[in-house]
Amino acid sequence: MISPLRQVQVKDLQPGRTYLIQEKRPEYMHLKFKGTFVKNDYPPQPHYTTMTHFSNVIGRGNHSQSDVRLQEAYWNYYEADARIRAWTTFVLREITGDPSFTCNG
């Protein structure tokens, strides 16, 4: 089965949308958050990294932070509507009888 999570590249993050955020490094994969994207702070030099800026960030145990800036090199970003999309795809596969049906909307 295809993962319901759809990864979003840093350049494609849209202000005002909510994203799931997960650490890339295996030893920190347990670090997961959900937050509203504000903006990217692009580096002044090519050898620096882009900083992503999120507000209303909620982590495990409903711990919240109002403002978080992350180095994009260490984080993956996913669309926060993945569960809804996965459920819609499942239901439409049941209705159509087509196990390869995918929901792109």
PDB file of N, CA and C in Angstrom:
ATOM      1  N   MET A   1       0.841  -1.188   0.000  1.00  0.00           N
ATOM      2  CA  MET A   1       0.000   0.000   0.000  1.00  0.00           C
ATOM      3  C   MET A   1       0.879   1.242   0.000  1.00  0.00           C
ATOM      4  N   ILE A   2       0.498   2.250  -0.741  1.00  0.00           N
ATOM      5  CA  ILE A   2       1.232   3.502  -0.812  1.00  0.00           C
ATOM      6  C   ILE A   2       0.973   4.310   0.455  1.00  0.00           C
ATOM      7  N   SER A   3       2.024   4.938   0.993  1.00  0.00           N
ATOM      8  CA  SER A   3       1.888   5.739   2.202  1.00  0.00           C
ATOM      9  C   SER A   3       0.929   6.904   1.967  1.00  0.00           C
ATOM     10  N   PRO A   4       0.030   7.147   2.925  1.00  0.00           N
ATOM     11  CA  PRO A   4      -0.890   8.281   2.763  1.00  0.00           C
ATOM     12  C   PRO A   4      -0.218   9.632   2.968  1.00  0.00           C
ATOM     13  N   LEU A   5       1.004   9.620   3.511  1.00  0.00           N
ATOM     14  CA  LEU A   5       1.710  10.881   3.706  1.00  0.00           C
ATOM     15  C   LEU A   5       2.311  11.364   2.402  1.00  0.00           C
ATOM     16  N   ARG A   6       2.099  12.614   2.087  1.00  0.00           N
ATOM     17  CA  ARG A   6       2.648  13.210   0.878  1.00  0.00           C
ATOM     18  C   ARG A   6       3.688  14.255   1.305  1.00  0.00           C
ATOM     19  N   GLN A   7       4.958  13.959   1.026  1.00  0.00           N
ATOM     20  CA  GLN A   7       6.034  14.860   1.420  1.00  0.00           C
ATOM     21  C   GLN A   7       6.006  16.120   0.570  1.00  0.00           C
ATOM     22  N   VAL A   8       6.326  17.237   1.208  1.00  0.00           N
ATOM     23  CA  VAL A   8       6.327  18.530   0.536  1.00  0.00           C
ATOM     24  C   VAL A   8       7.742  19.099   0.611  1.00  0.00           C
ATOM     25  N   GLN A   9       8.252  19.561  -0.513  1.00  0.00           N
ATOM     26  CA  GLN A   9       9.577  20.181  -0.547  1.00  0.00           C
ATOM     27  C   GLN A   9       9.508  21.568   0.098  1.00  0.00           C
ATOM     28  N   VAL A  10      10.609  22.023   0.661  1.00  0.00           N
ATOM     29  CA  VAL A  10      10.661  23.306   1.360  1.00  0.00           C
ATOM     30  C   VAL A  10      10.170  24.445   0.478  1.00  0.00           C
ATOM     31  N   LYS A  11      10.565  24.450  -0.778  1.00  0.00           N
ATOM     32  CA  LYS A  11      10.179  25.536  -1.687  1.00  0.00           C
ATOM     33  C   LYS A  11       8.684  25.532  -1.997  1.00  0.00           C
ATOM     34  N   ASP A  12       7.993  24.412  -1.730  1.00  0.00           N
ATOM     35  CA  ASP A  12       6.568  24.286  -2.035  1.00  0.00           C
ATOM     36  C   ASP A  12       5.654  24.497  -0.831  1.00  0.00           C
ATOM     37  N   LEU A  13       6.229  24.778   0.346  1.00  0.00           N
ATOM     38  CA  LEU A  13       5.407  25.049   1.525  1.00  0.00           C
ATOM     39  C   LEU A  13       4.611  26.329   1.296  1.00  0.00           C
ATOM     40  N   GLN A  14       3.348  26.328   1.706  1.00  0.00           N
ATOM     41  CA  GLN A  14       2.470  27.474   1.477  1.00  0.00           C
ATOM     42  C   GLN A  14       2.083  28.127   2.804  1.00  0.00           C
ATOM     43  N   PRO A  15       2.290  29.440   2.928  1.00  0.00           N
ATOM     44  CA  PRO A  15       1.938  30.137   4.169  1.00  0.00           C
ATOM     45  C   PRO A  15       0.474  29.927   4.541  1.00  0.00           C
ATOM     46  N   GLY A  16       0.237  29.701   5.837  1.00  0.00           N
ATOM     47  CA  GLY A  16      -1.113  29.510   6.338  1.00  0.00           C
ATOM     48  C   GLY A  16      -1.582  28.067   6.355  1.00  0.00           C
ATOM     49  N   ARG A  17      -0.882  27.179   5.672  1.00  0.00           N
ATOM     50  CA  ARG A  17      -1.271  25.759   5.657  1.00  0.00           C
ATOM     51  C   ARG A  17      -0.578  25.021   6.795  1.00  0.00           C
ATOM     52  N   THR A  18      -1.234  23.976   7.274  1.00  0.00           N
ATOM     53  CA  THR A  18      -0.691  23.167   8.360  1.00  0.00           C
ATOM     54  C   THR A  18       0.059  21.974   7.785  1.00  0.00           C
ATOM     55  N   TYR A  19       1.225  21.697   8.366  1.00  0.00           N
ATOM     56  CA  TYR A  19       2.070  20.595   7.914  1.00  0.00           C
ATOM     57  C   TYR A  19       2.502  19.744   9.090  1.00  0.00           C
ATOM     58  N   LEU A  20       2.720  18.463   8.810  1.00  0.00           N
ATOM     59  CA  LEU A  20       3.340  17.574   9.778  1.00  0.00           C
ATOM     60  C   LEU A  20       4.847  17.695   9.576  1.00  0.00           C
ATOM     61  N   ILE A  21       5.601  17.714  10.666  1.00  0.00           N
ATOM     62  CA  ILE A  21       7.045  17.925  10.614  1.00  0.00           C
ATOM     63  C   ILE A  21       7.713  16.760  11.331  1.00  0.00           C
ATOM     64  N   GLN A  22       8.704  16.126  10.685  1.00  0.00           N
ATOM     65  CA  GLN A  22       9.400  14.996  11.298  1.00  0.00           C
ATOM     66  C   GLN A  22      10.893  15.110  11.033  1.00  0.00           C
ATOM     67  N   GLU A  23      11.669  14.827  12.053  1.00  0.00           N
ATOM     68  CA  GLU A  23      13.138  14.834  11.963  1.00  0.00           C
ATOM     69  C   GLU A  23      13.600  13.783  10.958  1.00  0.00           C
ATOM     70  N   LYS A  24      14.600  14.110  10.133  1.00  0.00           N
ATOM     71  CA  LYS A  24      15.117  13.189   9.116  1.00  0.00           C
ATOM     72  C   LYS A  24      16.069  12.143   9.696  1.00  0.00           C
ATOM     73  N   ARG A  25      16.862  12.522  10.667  1.00  0.00           N
ATOM     74  CA  ARG A  25      17.887  11.616  11.191  1.00  0.00           C
ATOM     75  C   ARG A  25      17.238  10.482  11.986  1.00  0.00           C
ATOM     76  N   PRO A  26      17.645   9.229  11.721  1.00  0.00           N
ATOM     77  CA  PRO A  26      17.009   8.060  12.353  1.00  0.00           C
ATOM     78  C   PRO A  26      16.965   8.113  13.882  1.00  0.00           C
ATOM     79  N   GLU A  27      18.010   8.617  14.494  1.00  0.00           N
ATOM     80  CA  GLU A  27      18.053   8.633  15.963  1.00  0.00           C
ATOM     81  C   GLU A  27      17.087   9.652  16.575  1.00  0.00           C
ATOM     82  N   TYR A  28      16.538  10.545  15.728  1.00  0.00           N
ATOM     83  CA  TYR A  28      15.591  11.554  16.214  1.00  0.00           C
ATOM     84  C   TYR A  28      14.228  11.458  15.527  1.00  0.00           C
ATOM     85  N   MET A  29      13.936  10.316  14.898  1.00  0.00           N
ATOM     86  CA  MET A  29      12.677  10.149  14.171  1.00  0.00           C
ATOM     87  C   MET A  29      11.453  10.305  15.071  1.00  0.00           C
ATOM     88  N   HIS A  30      11.645  10.171  16.373  1.00  0.00           N
ATOM     89  CA  HIS A  30      10.519  10.312  17.302  1.00  0.00           C
ATOM     90  C   HIS A  30      10.073  11.772  17.429  1.00  0.00           C
ATOM     91  N   LEU A  31      10.885  12.710  16.960  1.00  0.00           N
ATOM     92  CA  LEU A  31      10.513  14.126  17.028  1.00  0.00           C
ATOM     93  C   LEU A  31       9.529  14.443  15.908  1.00  0.00           C
ATOM     94  N   LYS A  32       8.278  14.658  16.281  1.00  0.00           N
ATOM     95  CA  LYS A  32       7.223  14.932  15.315  1.00  0.00           C
ATOM     96  C   LYS A  32       6.383  16.095  15.833  1.00  0.00           C
ATOM     97  N   PHE A  33       6.001  16.983  14.919  1.00  0.00           N
ATOM     98  CA  PHE A  33       5.217  18.153  15.278  1.00  0.00           C
ATOM     99  C   PHE A  33       4.183  18.412  14.197  1.00  0.00           C
ATOM    100  N   LYS A  34       3.269  19.304  14.522  1.00  0.00           N
ATOM    101  CA  LYS A  34       2.331  19.817  13.533  1.00  0.00           C
ATOM    102  C   LYS A  34       2.319  21.320  13.721  1.00  0.00           C
ATOM    103  N   GLY A  35       2.442  22.069  12.613  1.00  0.00           N
ATOM    104  CA  GLY A  35       2.470  23.519  12.740  1.00  0.00           C
ATOM    105  C   GLY A  35       2.002  24.218  11.482  1.00  0.00           C
ATOM    106  N   THR A  36       1.705  25.495  11.632  1.00  0.00           N
ATOM    107  CA  THR A  36       1.252  26.326  10.527  1.00  0.00           C
ATOM    108  C   THR A  36       2.461  27.038   9.928  1.00  0.00           C
ATOM    109  N   PHE A  37       2.672  26.834   8.638  1.00  0.00           N
ATOM    110  CA  PHE A  37       3.825  27.430   7.963  1.00  0.00           C
ATOM    111  C   PHE A  37       3.644  28.942   7.836  1.00  0.00           C
ATOM    112  N   VAL A  38       4.717  29.688   8.148  1.00  0.00           N
ATOM    113  CA  VAL A  38       4.700  31.144   8.040  1.00  0.00           C
ATOM    114  C   VAL A  38       5.507  31.589   6.828  1.00  0.00           C
ATOM    115  N   LYS A  39       6.797  31.201   6.787  1.00  0.00           N
ATOM    116  CA  LYS A  39       7.647  31.616   5.667  1.00  0.00           C
ATOM    117  C   LYS A  39       8.969  30.864   5.699  1.00  0.00           C
ATOM    118  N   ASN A  40       9.683  30.955   4.602  1.00  0.00           N
ATOM    119  CA  ASN A  40      11.058  30.456   4.513  1.00  0.00           C
ATOM    120  C   ASN A  40      11.989  31.648   4.623  1.00  0.00           C
ATOM    121  N   ASP A  41      13.044  31.484   5.393  1.00  0.00           N
ATOM    122  CA  ASP A  41      14.118  32.471   5.434  1.00  0.00           C
ATOM    123  C   ASP A  41      15.256  31.872   4.621  1.00  0.00           C
ATOM    124  N   TYR A  42      15.433  32.403   3.409  1.00  0.00           N
ATOM    125  CA  TYR A  42      16.436  31.857   2.506  1.00  0.00           C
ATOM    126  C   TYR A  42      17.824  32.338   2.888  1.00  0.00           C
ATOM    127  N   PRO A  43      18.844  31.507   2.664  1.00  0.00           N
ATOM    128  CA  PRO A  43      20.204  31.824   3.110  1.00  0.00           C
ATOM    129  C   PRO A  43      20.837  32.960   2.298  1.00  0.00           C
ATOM    130  N   PRO A  44      21.696  33.732   2.962  1.00  0.00           N
ATOM    131  CA  PRO A  44      22.393  34.814   2.259  1.00  0.00           C
ATOM    132  C   PRO A  44      23.498  34.283   1.335  1.00  0.00           C
ATOM    133  N   GLN A  45      23.989  33.097   1.624  1.00  0.00           N
ATOM    134  CA  GLN A  45      25.044  32.468   0.831  1.00  0.00           C
ATOM    135  C   GLN A  45      24.605  31.057   0.468  1.00  0.00           C
ATOM    136  N   PRO A  46      25.033  30.534  -0.679  1.00  0.00           N
ATOM    137  CA  PRO A  46      24.608  29.194  -1.111  1.00  0.00           C
ATOM    138  C   PRO A  46      24.986  28.059  -0.162  1.00  0.00           C
ATOM    139  N   HIS A  47      26.027  28.224   0.627  1.00  0.00           N
ATOM    140  CA  HIS A  47      26.460  27.135   1.505  1.00  0.00           C
ATOM    141  C   HIS A  47      25.731  27.126   2.850  1.00  0.00           C
ATOM    142  N   TYR A  48      24.811  28.055   3.079  1.00  0.00           N
ATOM    143  CA  TYR A  48      23.975  28.048   4.271  1.00  0.00           C
ATOM    144  C   TYR A  48      22.678  27.304   3.969  1.00  0.00           C
ATOM    145  N   THR A  49      21.915  27.012   5.003  1.00  0.00           N
ATOM    146  CA  THR A  49      20.669  26.274   4.823  1.00  0.00           C
ATOM    147  C   THR A  49      19.456  27.192   4.977  1.00  0.00           C
ATOM    148  N   THR A  50      18.359  26.816   4.354  1.00  0.00           N
ATOM    149  CA  THR A  50      17.103  27.547   4.475  1.00  0.00           C
ATOM    150  C   THR A  50      16.508  27.284   5.853  1.00  0.00           C
ATOM    151  N   MET A  51      15.978  28.314   6.474  1.00  0.00           N
ATOM    152  CA  MET A  51      15.286  28.175   7.755  1.00  0.00           C
ATOM    153  C   MET A  51      13.792  28.273   7.494  1.00  0.00           C
ATOM    154  N   THR A  52      13.043  27.292   8.001  1.00  0.00           N
ATOM    155  CA  THR A  52      11.594  27.330   7.867  1.00  0.00           C
ATOM    156  C   THR A  52      11.015  27.881   9.165  1.00  0.00           C
ATOM    157  N   HIS A  53       9.979  28.692   9.035  1.00  0.00           N
ATOM    158  CA  HIS A  53       9.375  29.360  10.178  1.00  0.00           C
ATOM    159  C   HIS A  53       7.934  28.878  10.310  1.00  0.00           C
ATOM    160  N   PHE A  54       7.596  28.317  11.481  1.00  0.00           N
ATOM    161  CA  PHE A  54       6.255  27.811  11.764  1.00  0.00           C
ATOM    162  C   PHE A  54       5.695  28.479  13.005  1.00  0.00           C
ATOM    163  N   SER A  55       4.374  28.622  13.049  1.00  0.00           N
ATOM    164  CA  SER A  55       3.691  29.120  14.245  1.00  0.00           C
ATOM    165  C   SER A  55       2.687  28.070  14.707  1.00  0.00           C
ATOM    166  N   ASN A  56       2.157  28.260  15.910  1.00  0.00           N
ATOM    167  CA  ASN A  56       1.152  27.351  16.472  1.00  0.00           C
ATOM    168  C   ASN A  56       1.586  25.886  16.366  1.00  0.00           C
ATOM    169  N   VAL A  57       2.796  25.605  16.780  1.00  0.00           N
ATOM    170  CA  VAL A  57       3.357  24.259  16.679  1.00  0.00           C
ATOM    171  C   VAL A  57       2.915  23.418  17.879  1.00  0.00           C
ATOM    172  N   ILE A  58       2.422  22.213  17.579  1.00  0.00           N
ATOM    173  CA  ILE A  58       1.993  21.289  18.629  1.00  0.00           C
ATOM    174  C   ILE A  58       2.788  20.000  18.477  1.00  0.00           C
ATOM    175  N   GLY A  59       3.384  19.562  19.595  1.00  0.00           N
ATOM    176  CA  GLY A  59       4.172  18.339  19.586  1.00  0.00           C
ATOM    177  C   GLY A  59       3.490  17.250  20.390  1.00  0.00           C
ATOM    178  N   ARG A  60       4.234  16.209  20.682  1.00  0.00           N
ATOM    179  CA  ARG A  60       3.700  15.092  21.482  1.00  0.00           C
ATOM    180  C   ARG A  60       3.209  15.588  22.823  1.00  0.00           C
ATOM    181  N   GLY A  61       2.135  14.988  23.287  1.00  0.00           N
ATOM    182  CA  GLY A  61       1.576  15.363  24.574  1.00  0.00           C
ATOM    183  C   GLY A  61       0.919  16.732  24.560  1.00  0.00           C
ATOM    184  N   ASN A  62       0.571  17.215  23.371  1.00  0.00           N
ATOM    185  CA  ASN A  62      -0.056  18.528  23.182  1.00  0.00           C
ATOM    186  C   ASN A  62       0.777  19.685  23.719  1.00  0.00           C
ATOM    187  N   HIS A  63       2.104  19.512  23.753  1.00  0.00           N
ATOM    188  CA  HIS A  63       2.978  20.621  24.118  1.00  0.00           C
ATOM    189  C   HIS A  63       3.025  21.586  22.945  1.00  0.00           C
ATOM    190  N   SER A  64       2.785  22.855  23.224  1.00  0.00           N
ATOM    191  CA  SER A  64       2.729  23.808  22.120  1.00  0.00           C
ATOM    192  C   SER A  64       3.812  24.868  22.252  1.00  0.00           C
ATOM    193  N   GLN A  65       4.198  25.382  21.086  1.00  0.00           N
ATOM    194  CA  GLN A  65       5.131  26.501  20.995  1.00  0.00           C
ATOM    195  C   GLN A  65       4.552  27.458  19.964  1.00  0.00           C
ATOM    196  N   SER A  66       4.631  28.735  20.250  1.00  0.00           N
ATOM    197  CA  SER A  66       4.012  29.696  19.354  1.00  0.00           C
ATOM    198  C   SER A  66       4.858  29.992  18.122  1.00  0.00           C
ATOM    199  N   ASP A  67       6.175  29.821  18.229  1.00  0.00           N
ATOM    200  CA  ASP A  67       7.048  30.207  17.124  1.00  0.00           C
ATOM    201  C   ASP A  67       8.262  29.276  17.074  1.00  0.00           C
ATOM    202  N   VAL A  68       8.474  28.625  15.912  1.00  0.00           N
ATOM    203  CA  VAL A  68       9.595  27.690  15.764  1.00  0.00           C
ATOM    204  C   VAL A  68      10.281  27.946  14.426  1.00  0.00           C
ATOM    205  N   ARG A  69      11.612  27.974  14.449  1.00  0.00           N
ATOM    206  CA  ARG A  69      12.404  28.079  13.219  1.00  0.00           C
ATOM    207  C   ARG A  69      13.273  26.829  13.132  1.00  0.00           C
ATOM    208  N   LEU A  70      13.238  26.184  11.959  1.00  0.00           N
ATOM    209  CA  LEU A  70      13.939  24.919  11.780  1.00  0.00           C
ATOM    210  C   LEU A  70      14.878  24.973  10.583  1.00  0.00           C
ATOM    211  N   GLN A  71      16.026  24.307  10.697  1.00  0.00           N
ATOM    212  CA  GLN A  71      16.920  24.170   9.555  1.00  0.00           C
ATOM    213  C   GLN A  71      16.340  23.095   8.645  1.00  0.00           C
ATOM    214  N   GLU A  72      16.021  23.453   7.416  1.00  0.00           N
ATOM    215  CA  GLU A  72      15.340  22.524   6.508  1.00  0.00           C
ATOM    216  C   GLU A  72      16.144  21.259   6.238  1.00  0.00           C
ATOM    217  N   ALA A  73      17.437  21.299   6.427  1.00  0.00           N
ATOM    218  CA  ALA A  73      18.268  20.125   6.151  1.00  0.00           C
ATOM    219  C   ALA A  73      17.970  18.965   7.097  1.00  0.00           C
ATOM    220  N   TYR A  74      17.377  19.247   8.247  1.00  0.00           N
ATOM    221  CA  TYR A  74      17.139  18.208   9.249  1.00  0.00           C
ATOM    222  C   TYR A  74      15.694  17.736   9.340  1.00  0.00           C
ATOM    223  N   TRP A  75      14.794  18.304   8.548  1.00  0.00           N
ATOM    224  CA  TRP A  75      13.372  18.020   8.725  1.00  0.00           C
ATOM    225  C   TRP A  75      12.680  17.644   7.430  1.00  0.00           C
ATOM    226  N   ASN A  76      11.667  16.760   7.538  1.00  0.00           N
ATOM    227  CA  ASN A  76      10.764  16.438   6.438  1.00  0.00           C
ATOM    228  C   ASN A  76       9.425  17.079   6.738  1.00  0.00           C
ATOM    229  N   TYR A  77       8.758  17.541   5.695  1.00  0.00           N
ATOM    230  CA  TYR A  77       7.463  18.189   5.846  1.00  0.00           C
ATOM    231  C   TYR A  77       6.429  17.414   5.034  1.00  0.00           C
ATOM    232  N   TYR A  78       5.259  17.196   5.645  1.00  0.00           N
ATOM    233  CA  TYR A  78       4.200  16.430   4.998  1.00  0.00           C
ATOM    234  C   TYR A  78       2.892  17.199   5.073  1.00  0.00           C
ATOM    235  N   GLU A  79       2.037  17.016   4.069  1.00  0.00           N
ATOM    236  CA  GLU A  79       0.716  17.625   4.102  1.00  0.00           C
ATOM    237  C   GLU A  79      -0.051  17.065   5.289  1.00  0.00           C
ATOM    238  N   ALA A  80      -0.731  17.920   6.016  1.00  0.00           N
ATOM    239  CA  ALA A  80      -1.418  17.502   7.233  1.00  0.00           C
ATOM    240  C   ALA A  80      -2.754  16.821   6.963  1.00  0.00           C
ATOM    241  N   ASP A  81      -3.225  16.825   5.724  1.00  0.00           N
ATOM    242  CA  ASP A  81      -4.513  16.210   5.400  1.00  0.00           C
ATOM    243  C   ASP A  81      -4.371  14.749   4.964  1.00  0.00           C
ATOM    244  N   ALA A  82      -3.263  14.125   5.282  1.00  0.00           N
ATOM    245  CA  ALA A  82      -2.974  12.772   4.794  1.00  0.00           C
ATOM    246  C   ALA A  82      -4.010  11.748   5.244  1.00  0.00           C
ATOM    247  N   ARG A  83      -4.474  11.829   6.466  1.00  0.00           N
ATOM    248  CA  ARG A  83      -5.453  10.844   6.946  1.00  0.00           C
ATOM    249  C   ARG A  83      -6.768  10.954   6.192  1.00  0.00           C
ATOM    250  N   ILE A  84      -7.204  12.168   5.946  1.00  0.00           N
ATOM    251  CA  ILE A  84      -8.453  12.372   5.199  1.00  0.00           C
ATOM    252  C   ILE A  84      -8.307  11.823   3.789  1.00  0.00           C
ATOM    253  N   ARG A  85      -7.184  12.107   3.140  1.00  0.00           N
ATOM    254  CA  ARG A  85      -6.938  11.625   1.781  1.00  0.00           C
ATOM    255  C   ARG A  85      -6.865  10.099   1.741  1.00  0.00           C
ATOM    256  N   ALA A  86      -6.222   9.503   2.742  1.00  0.00           N
ATOM    257  CA  ALA A  86      -6.109   8.034   2.799  1.00  0.00           C
ATOM    258  C   ALA A  86      -7.490   7.407   2.975  1.00  0.00           C
ATOM    259  N   TRP A  87      -8.317   7.976   3.849  1.00  0.00           N
ATOM    260  CA  TRP A  87      -9.663   7.442   4.060  1.00  0.00           C
ATOM    261  C   TRP A  87     -10.496   7.587   2.795  1.00  0.00           C
ATOM    262  N   THR A  88     -10.419   8.744   2.135  1.00  0.00           N
ATOM    263  CA  THR A  88     -11.168   8.969   0.894  1.00  0.00           C
ATOM    264  C   THR A  88     -10.753   7.966  -0.174  1.00  0.00           C
ATOM    265  N   THR A  89      -9.460   7.735  -0.310  1.00  0.00           N
ATOM    266  CA  THR A  89      -8.962   6.755  -1.285  1.00  0.00           C
ATOM    267  C   THR A  89      -9.484   5.366  -0.956  1.00  0.00           C
ATOM    268  N   PHE A  90      -9.444   4.987   0.318  1.00  0.00           N
ATOM    269  CA  PHE A  90      -9.935   3.675   0.734  1.00  0.00           C
ATOM    270  C   PHE A  90     -11.414   3.509   0.378  1.00  0.00           C
ATOM    271  N   VAL A  91     -12.229   4.503   0.711  1.00  0.00           N
ATOM    272  CA  VAL A  91     -13.669   4.431   0.444  1.00  0.00           C
ATOM    273  C   VAL A  91     -13.939   4.363  -1.056  1.00  0.00           C
ATOM    274  N   LEU A  92     -13.233   5.182  -1.837  1.00  0.00           N
ATOM    275  CA  LEU A  92     -13.448   5.162  -3.288  1.00  0.00           C
ATOM    276  C   LEU A  92     -12.984   3.849  -3.909  1.00  0.00           C
ATOM    277  N   ARG A  93     -11.957   3.217  -3.361  1.00  0.00           N
ATOM    278  CA  ARG A  93     -11.525   1.897  -3.845  1.00  0.00           C
ATOM    279  C   ARG A  93     -12.617   0.860  -3.572  1.00  0.00           C
ATOM    280  N   GLU A  94     -13.245   0.979  -2.402  1.00  0.00           N
ATOM    281  CA  GLU A  94     -14.333   0.060  -2.066  1.00  0.00           C
ATOM    282  C   GLU A  94     -15.529   0.274  -2.999  1.00  0.00           C
ATOM    283  N   ILE A  95     -15.865   1.531  -3.254  1.00  0.00           N
ATOM    284  CA  ILE A  95     -17.018   1.849  -4.101  1.00  0.00           C
ATOM    285  C   ILE A  95     -16.788   1.415  -5.543  1.00  0.00           C
ATOM    286  N   THR A  96     -15.608   1.727  -6.083  1.00  0.00           N
ATOM    287  CA  THR A  96     -15.324   1.428  -7.489  1.00  0.00           C
ATOM    288  C   THR A  96     -14.920  -0.028  -7.708  1.00  0.00           C
ATOM    289  N   GLY A  97     -14.441  -0.689  -6.660  1.00  0.00           N
ATOM    290  CA  GLY A  97     -13.952  -2.056  -6.805  1.00  0.00           C
ATOM    291  C   GLY A  97     -12.583  -2.122  -7.457  1.00  0.00           C
ATOM    292  N   ASP A  98     -11.943  -0.956  -7.620  1.00  0.00           N
ATOM    293  CA  ASP A  98     -10.628  -0.871  -8.265  1.00  0.00           C
ATOM    294  C   ASP A  98      -9.554  -0.683  -7.185  1.00  0.00           C
ATOM    295  N   PRO A  99      -8.776  -1.734  -6.863  1.00  0.00           N
ATOM    296  CA  PRO A  99      -7.766  -1.623  -5.805  1.00  0.00           C
ATOM    297  C   PRO A  99      -6.607  -0.682  -6.152  1.00  0.00           C
ATOM    298  N   SER A 100      -6.473  -0.308  -7.417  1.00  0.00           N
ATOM    299  CA  SER A 100      -5.385   0.598  -7.798  1.00  0.00           C
ATOM    300  C   SER A 100      -5.859   2.046  -7.899  1.00  0.00           C
ATOM    301  N   PHE A 101      -7.118   2.311  -7.568  1.00  0.00           N
ATOM    302  CA  PHE A 101      -7.656   3.664  -7.642  1.00  0.00           C
ATOM    303  C   PHE A 101      -6.895   4.574  -6.687  1.00  0.00           C
ATOM    304  N   THR A 102      -6.533   5.774  -7.133  1.00  0.00           N
ATOM    305  CA  THR A 102      -5.867   6.744  -6.264  1.00  0.00           C
ATOM    306  C   THR A 102      -6.645   8.043  -6.262  1.00  0.00           C
ATOM    307  N   CYS A 103      -6.677   8.667  -5.129  1.00  0.00           N
ATOM    308  CA  CYS A 103      -7.360   9.951  -4.966  1.00  0.00           C
ATOM    309  C   CYS A 103      -6.312  11.047  -4.992  1.00  0.00           C
ATOM    310  N   ASN A 104      -6.351  11.900  -5.977  1.00  0.00           N
ATOM    311  CA  ASN A 104      -5.368  12.978  -6.105  1.00  0.00           C
ATOM    312  C   ASN A 104      -5.903  14.312  -5.638  1.00  0.00           C
ATOM    313  N   GLY A 105      -7.084  14.365  -5.137  1.00  0.00           N
ATOM    314  CA  GLY A 105      -7.684  15.643  -4.761  1.00  0.00           C
ATOM    315  C   GLY A 105      -7.660  15.888  -3.366  1.00  0.00           C
TER     316      GLY A 105
END
